[in-house]
Protein backbone atom coordinates (compact mmCIF):
# COMPACT_ATOMS: atom_id res chain seq x y z
CA MET A 1 -4.60 -10.64 -11.24
CA GLY A 2 -1.86 -8.85 -9.09
CA LYS A 3 0.24 -10.78 -6.47
CA SER A 4 -1.91 -10.22 -3.45
CA CYS A 5 -5.25 -10.58 -5.72
CA LYS A 6 -4.77 -14.53 -6.02
CA ASP A 7 -5.61 -15.30 -2.60
CA CYS A 8 -8.56 -12.79 -2.94
CA LEU A 9 -11.82 -14.67 -1.19
CA ASN A 10 -13.88 -12.43 -3.22
CA ARG A 11 -12.18 -13.02 -6.54
CA GLY A 12 -13.54 -10.64 -9.64
CA LYS A 13 -15.61 -8.67 -7.51
CA CYS A 14 -14.08 -5.55 -8.36
CA CYS A 15 -14.74 -6.32 -12.04
CA GLU A 16 -18.09 -7.05 -11.60
CA ARG A 17 -19.61 -3.84 -10.33
CA PHE A 18 -17.66 -0.54 -10.71
CA TRP A 19 -17.85 3.15 -11.33
CA LEU A 20 -15.55 4.94 -13.94
CA LYS A 21 -14.51 8.22 -13.44
CA TYR A 22 -12.29 10.94 -15.71
CA MET A 23 -11.41 14.34 -15.68
CA LYS A 24 -11.48 16.02 -12.41
CA GLY A 25 -13.11 13.12 -10.64
CA ARG A 26 -16.39 13.35 -12.67
CA HIS A 27 -18.11 10.15 -13.27
CA VAL A 28 -18.71 8.58 -16.78
CA GLY A 29 -21.90 9.06 -18.47
CA ARG A 30 -23.48 11.05 -15.23
CA GLY A 31 -26.91 12.23 -16.67
CA LYS A 32 -26.48 10.43 -19.89
CA ASP A 33 -28.48 7.92 -21.53
CA ARG A 34 -27.68 4.05 -22.25
CA ALA A 35 -26.75 4.69 -25.72
CA TRP A 36 -24.57 7.93 -24.82
CA VAL A 37 -22.59 5.58 -22.72
CA LEU A 38 -22.25 2.52 -24.87
CA GLU A 39 -20.75 4.74 -27.70
CA TRP A 40 -18.27 6.24 -24.99
CA LEU A 41 -17.10 2.79 -24.35
CA ARG A 42 -17.17 1.77 -27.83
CA GLU A 43 -14.89 4.86 -29.03
CA ARG A 44 -12.45 4.20 -26.37
CA LYS A 45 -12.52 0.34 -27.07
CA LEU A 46 -13.31 -0.48 -23.23
CA PRO A 47 -14.42 -3.97 -22.58
CA PHE A 48 -17.13 -2.82 -20.05
CA TYR A 49 -20.97 -2.48 -20.06
CA PRO A 50 -23.18 -0.21 -18.43
CA ARG A 51 -25.14 -2.51 -15.64
CA ASN A 52 -27.42 0.14 -14.12
CA ARG A 53 -27.94 3.81 -13.41
CA ARG A 54 -28.21 5.06 -9.71
CA TYR A 55 -28.61 8.56 -9.12
CA GLY A 56 -27.74 9.71 -12.24
CA VAL A 57 -24.56 7.65 -11.91
CA TRP A 58 -23.71 4.54 -14.34
CA CYS A 59 -22.15 1.19 -12.80
CA PHE A 60 -20.17 -1.09 -15.08
CA GLY A 61 -19.17 -4.38 -15.47
CA CYS A 62 -16.47 -6.13 -17.40
CA LEU A 63 -17.34 -8.34 -20.28
CA TRP A 64 -13.81 -10.03 -19.96
CA LEU A 65 -14.43 -11.34 -16.63
CA ALA A 66 -14.42 -15.23 -17.06
CA ARG A 67 -16.52 -17.79 -15.15
CA ASP A 68 -13.38 -18.67 -12.91
CA ARG A 69 -13.92 -15.22 -11.93
CA ARG A 70 -10.39 -14.26 -13.43
CA CYS A 71 -9.66 -11.59 -16.38
CA GLU A 72 -9.90 -13.81 -19.75
CA TYR A 73 -7.21 -10.96 -21.35
CA TYR A 74 -5.26 -10.13 -18.04
CA GLY A 75 -2.29 -9.17 -20.42
CA LYS A 76 -4.43 -6.98 -22.56
CA ARG A 77 -6.27 -5.12 -19.87
CA PRO A 78 -7.04 -1.39 -20.00
CA ALA A 79 -4.99 1.04 -18.17
CA VAL A 80 -7.77 1.81 -15.80
CA CYS A 81 -7.93 -1.94 -14.75
CA LYS A 82 -4.06 -1.75 -14.22
CA ASP A 83 -4.36 1.20 -11.96
CA VAL A 84 -6.86 -0.35 -9.71
CA LYS A 85 -4.89 -0.66 -6.19
CA VAL A 86 -5.65 -3.78 -4.04
CA GLY A 87 -7.66 -3.27 -1.37
CA SER A 88 -9.27 0.05 -2.93
CA MET A 89 -12.74 -1.23 -3.46
CA PRO A 90 -15.01 -1.25 -0.47
CA TYR A 91 -16.38 -4.98 -1.24
CA CYS A 92 -12.39 -6.03 -1.35
CA LYS A 93 -12.03 -8.78 0.76
CA PHE A 94 -8.05 -8.42 1.26
CA ALA A 95 -8.83 -4.86 1.98
CA ALA A 96 -11.08 -6.10 4.99
CA ARG A 97 -8.04 -8.68 6.05
CA THR A 98 -5.91 -5.36 5.86
CA ARG A 99 -7.70 -3.37 7.92
CA LYS A 100 -8.22 -5.82 10.67
CA GLY A 101 -4.59 -6.05 11.19
């Protein structure tokens, strides 16, 4: 976890439930079935799994999230994980503290 994530009160929440976007902001698997999504993830060697689908958009979770709510393979995490900015998730407690001042 990044320097400011270590003090997060909601550790791992960003890895527990998220949406993936690609090319021009389109959601991965929009309107596709679970088998299609699993194949898409496998081809890209991503450690994610489809949790559920709402309004045709898949929500994902990460297989590498350990019991202590940390990434088991932090040094090998995918670029999509490395690109997440602290505070960019609506349920990020750090973001809530930052917004309050």
